[in-house]
Amino acid sequence: MHDDPRFVYVLVSTVDSDRHYVGLTSDVKRRLEVHNSGGSLHTAQHRPWRLIVALDFATPASAVAFERYLKTSSGRAFAKRHFV
């Protein structure tokens, strides 16, 4: 697997479906395990998490740009329309 973070992923909390998390990784399965084990301070309180989508980008730069977009208000609306 590629070491550069090229996957943008969106998670939803299974205990609060209004809680979503957007992240960037090179290993989606491992990252989901970290979120569900409490290893991330940003997501520990609302676990467990379920993966909604993971998108593989050709370059790390394009993945970073899309992750940043998804964290904006218009990006959150986009994700809600297309992924949730």
C-alpha atoms as a PDB file:
ATOM      1  CA  MET A   1       0.000   0.000   0.000  1.00  0.00           C
ATOM      2  CA  HIS A   2       1.065   3.532  -0.676  1.00  0.00           C
ATOM      3  CA  ASP A   3       2.468   5.357   2.373  1.00  0.00           C
ATOM      4  CA  ASP A   4       1.220   8.782   1.295  1.00  0.00           C
ATOM      5  CA  PRO A   5      -2.238   9.620   2.682  1.00  0.00           C
ATOM      6  CA  ARG A   6      -4.444   9.408  -0.388  1.00  0.00           C
ATOM      7  CA  PHE A   7      -7.748   8.251   1.086  1.00  0.00           C
ATOM      8  CA  VAL A   8     -10.374  10.696   2.288  1.00  0.00           C
ATOM      9  CA  TYR A   9     -12.921   8.948   4.472  1.00  0.00           C
ATOM     10  CA  VAL A  10     -16.200   9.872   6.136  1.00  0.00           C
ATOM     11  CA  LEU A  11     -17.414   8.195   9.311  1.00  0.00           C
ATOM     12  CA  VAL A  12     -20.761   8.344  11.097  1.00  0.00           C
ATOM     13  CA  SER A  13     -21.256   7.673  14.786  1.00  0.00           C
ATOM     14  CA  THR A  14     -23.516   4.681  15.374  1.00  0.00           C
ATOM     15  CA  VAL A  15     -24.762   6.223  18.645  1.00  0.00           C
ATOM     16  CA  ASP A  16     -25.441   9.700  17.212  1.00  0.00           C
ATOM     17  CA  SER A  17     -26.125   9.685  13.465  1.00  0.00           C
ATOM     18  CA  ASP A  18     -25.767  13.483  13.358  1.00  0.00           C
ATOM     19  CA  ARG A  19     -22.051  13.104  14.193  1.00  0.00           C
ATOM     20  CA  HIS A  20     -19.739  12.695  11.225  1.00  0.00           C
ATOM     21  CA  TYR A  21     -15.980  12.747  10.937  1.00  0.00           C
ATOM     22  CA  VAL A  22     -13.866  13.435   7.854  1.00  0.00           C
ATOM     23  CA  GLY A  23     -10.270  12.261   7.761  1.00  0.00           C
ATOM     24  CA  LEU A  24      -7.255  11.495   5.617  1.00  0.00           C
ATOM     25  CA  THR A  25      -5.214   8.280   5.739  1.00  0.00           C
ATOM     26  CA  SER A  26      -3.142   5.787   3.804  1.00  0.00           C
ATOM     27  CA  ASP A  27      -4.847   2.809   5.541  1.00  0.00           C
ATOM     28  CA  VAL A  28      -8.617   3.125   5.983  1.00  0.00           C
ATOM     29  CA  LYS A  29      -9.119  -0.151   7.868  1.00  0.00           C
ATOM     30  CA  ARG A  30      -6.417   0.638  10.426  1.00  0.00           C
ATOM     31  CA  ARG A  31      -7.661   4.206  10.862  1.00  0.00           C
ATOM     32  CA  LEU A  32     -11.234   3.018  11.538  1.00  0.00           C
ATOM     33  CA  GLU A  33      -9.844   0.634  14.170  1.00  0.00           C
ATOM     34  CA  VAL A  34      -8.044   3.568  15.844  1.00  0.00           C
ATOM     35  CA  HIS A  35     -11.247   5.626  15.921  1.00  0.00           C
ATOM     36  CA  ASN A  36     -13.272   2.738  17.363  1.00  0.00           C
ATOM     37  CA  SER A  37     -10.669   1.862  20.002  1.00  0.00           C
ATOM     38  CA  GLY A  38     -10.689   5.408  21.397  1.00  0.00           C
ATOM     39  CA  GLY A  39      -7.247   6.206  19.990  1.00  0.00           C
ATOM     40  CA  SER A  40      -8.369   9.528  18.518  1.00  0.00           C
ATOM     41  CA  LEU A  41      -9.311  12.320  20.920  1.00  0.00           C
ATOM     42  CA  HIS A  42     -11.600  13.898  18.310  1.00  0.00           C
ATOM     43  CA  THR A  43     -13.776  10.810  17.938  1.00  0.00           C
ATOM     44  CA  ALA A  44     -13.463   8.841  21.193  1.00  0.00           C
ATOM     45  CA  GLN A  45     -16.575  10.333  22.767  1.00  0.00           C
ATOM     46  CA  HIS A  46     -18.951   9.297  19.978  1.00  0.00           C
ATOM     47  CA  ARG A  47     -17.767   5.785  19.172  1.00  0.00           C
ATOM     48  CA  PRO A  48     -18.349   3.327  17.678  1.00  0.00           C
ATOM     49  CA  TRP A  49     -18.004   4.674  14.155  1.00  0.00           C
ATOM     50  CA  ARG A  50     -19.103   3.245  10.832  1.00  0.00           C
ATOM     51  CA  LEU A  51     -17.383   3.966   7.534  1.00  0.00           C
ATOM     52  CA  ILE A  52     -19.660   5.720   5.016  1.00  0.00           C
ATOM     53  CA  VAL A  53     -17.221   6.272   2.176  1.00  0.00           C
ATOM     54  CA  ALA A  54     -13.502   6.113   1.421  1.00  0.00           C
ATOM     55  CA  LEU A  55     -12.239   7.817  -1.705  1.00  0.00           C
ATOM     56  CA  ASP A  56      -8.823   7.034  -3.202  1.00  0.00           C
ATOM     57  CA  PHE A  57      -7.095   9.995  -4.856  1.00  0.00           C
ATOM     58  CA  ALA A  58      -4.285   9.894  -7.411  1.00  0.00           C
ATOM     59  CA  THR A  59      -2.105  12.231  -5.354  1.00  0.00           C
ATOM     60  CA  PRO A  60      -1.830  13.169  -1.688  1.00  0.00           C
ATOM     61  CA  ALA A  61      -2.286  16.846  -2.625  1.00  0.00           C
ATOM     62  CA  SER A  62      -5.672  16.200  -4.224  1.00  0.00           C
ATOM     63  CA  ALA A  63      -6.747  14.150  -1.190  1.00  0.00           C
ATOM     64  CA  VAL A  64      -5.736  16.966   1.178  1.00  0.00           C
ATOM     65  CA  ALA A  65      -7.642  19.506  -0.924  1.00  0.00           C
ATOM     66  CA  PHE A  66     -10.823  17.381  -0.919  1.00  0.00           C
ATOM     67  CA  GLU A  67     -10.584  16.684   2.814  1.00  0.00           C
ATOM     68  CA  ARG A  68     -10.300  20.429   3.466  1.00  0.00           C
ATOM     69  CA  TYR A  69     -13.310  21.059   1.234  1.00  0.00           C
ATOM     70  CA  LEU A  70     -15.416  18.460   3.081  1.00  0.00           C
ATOM     71  CA  LYS A  71     -14.670  20.274   6.338  1.00  0.00           C
ATOM     72  CA  THR A  72     -16.206  23.525   5.035  1.00  0.00           C
ATOM     73  CA  SER A  73     -19.922  24.277   5.289  1.00  0.00           C
ATOM     74  CA  SER A  74     -20.474  23.694   1.562  1.00  0.00           C
ATOM     75  CA  GLY A  75     -18.388  20.509   1.762  1.00  0.00           C
ATOM     76  CA  ARG A  76     -20.477  19.216   4.667  1.00  0.00           C
ATOM     77  CA  ALA A  77     -23.618  19.884   2.616  1.00  0.00           C
ATOM     78  CA  PHE A  78     -22.044  18.040  -0.339  1.00  0.00           C
ATOM     79  CA  ALA A  79     -21.192  15.043   1.851  1.00  0.00           C
ATOM     80  CA  LYS A  80     -24.685  14.973   3.319  1.00  0.00           C
ATOM     81  CA  ARG A  81     -26.245  14.968  -0.177  1.00  0.00           C
ATOM     82  CA  HIS A  82     -23.918  12.383  -1.678  1.00  0.00           C
ATOM     83  CA  PHE A  83     -22.637  10.106   1.094  1.00  0.00           C
ATOM     84  CA  VAL A  84     -25.088  10.037   3.986  1.00  0.00           C
END
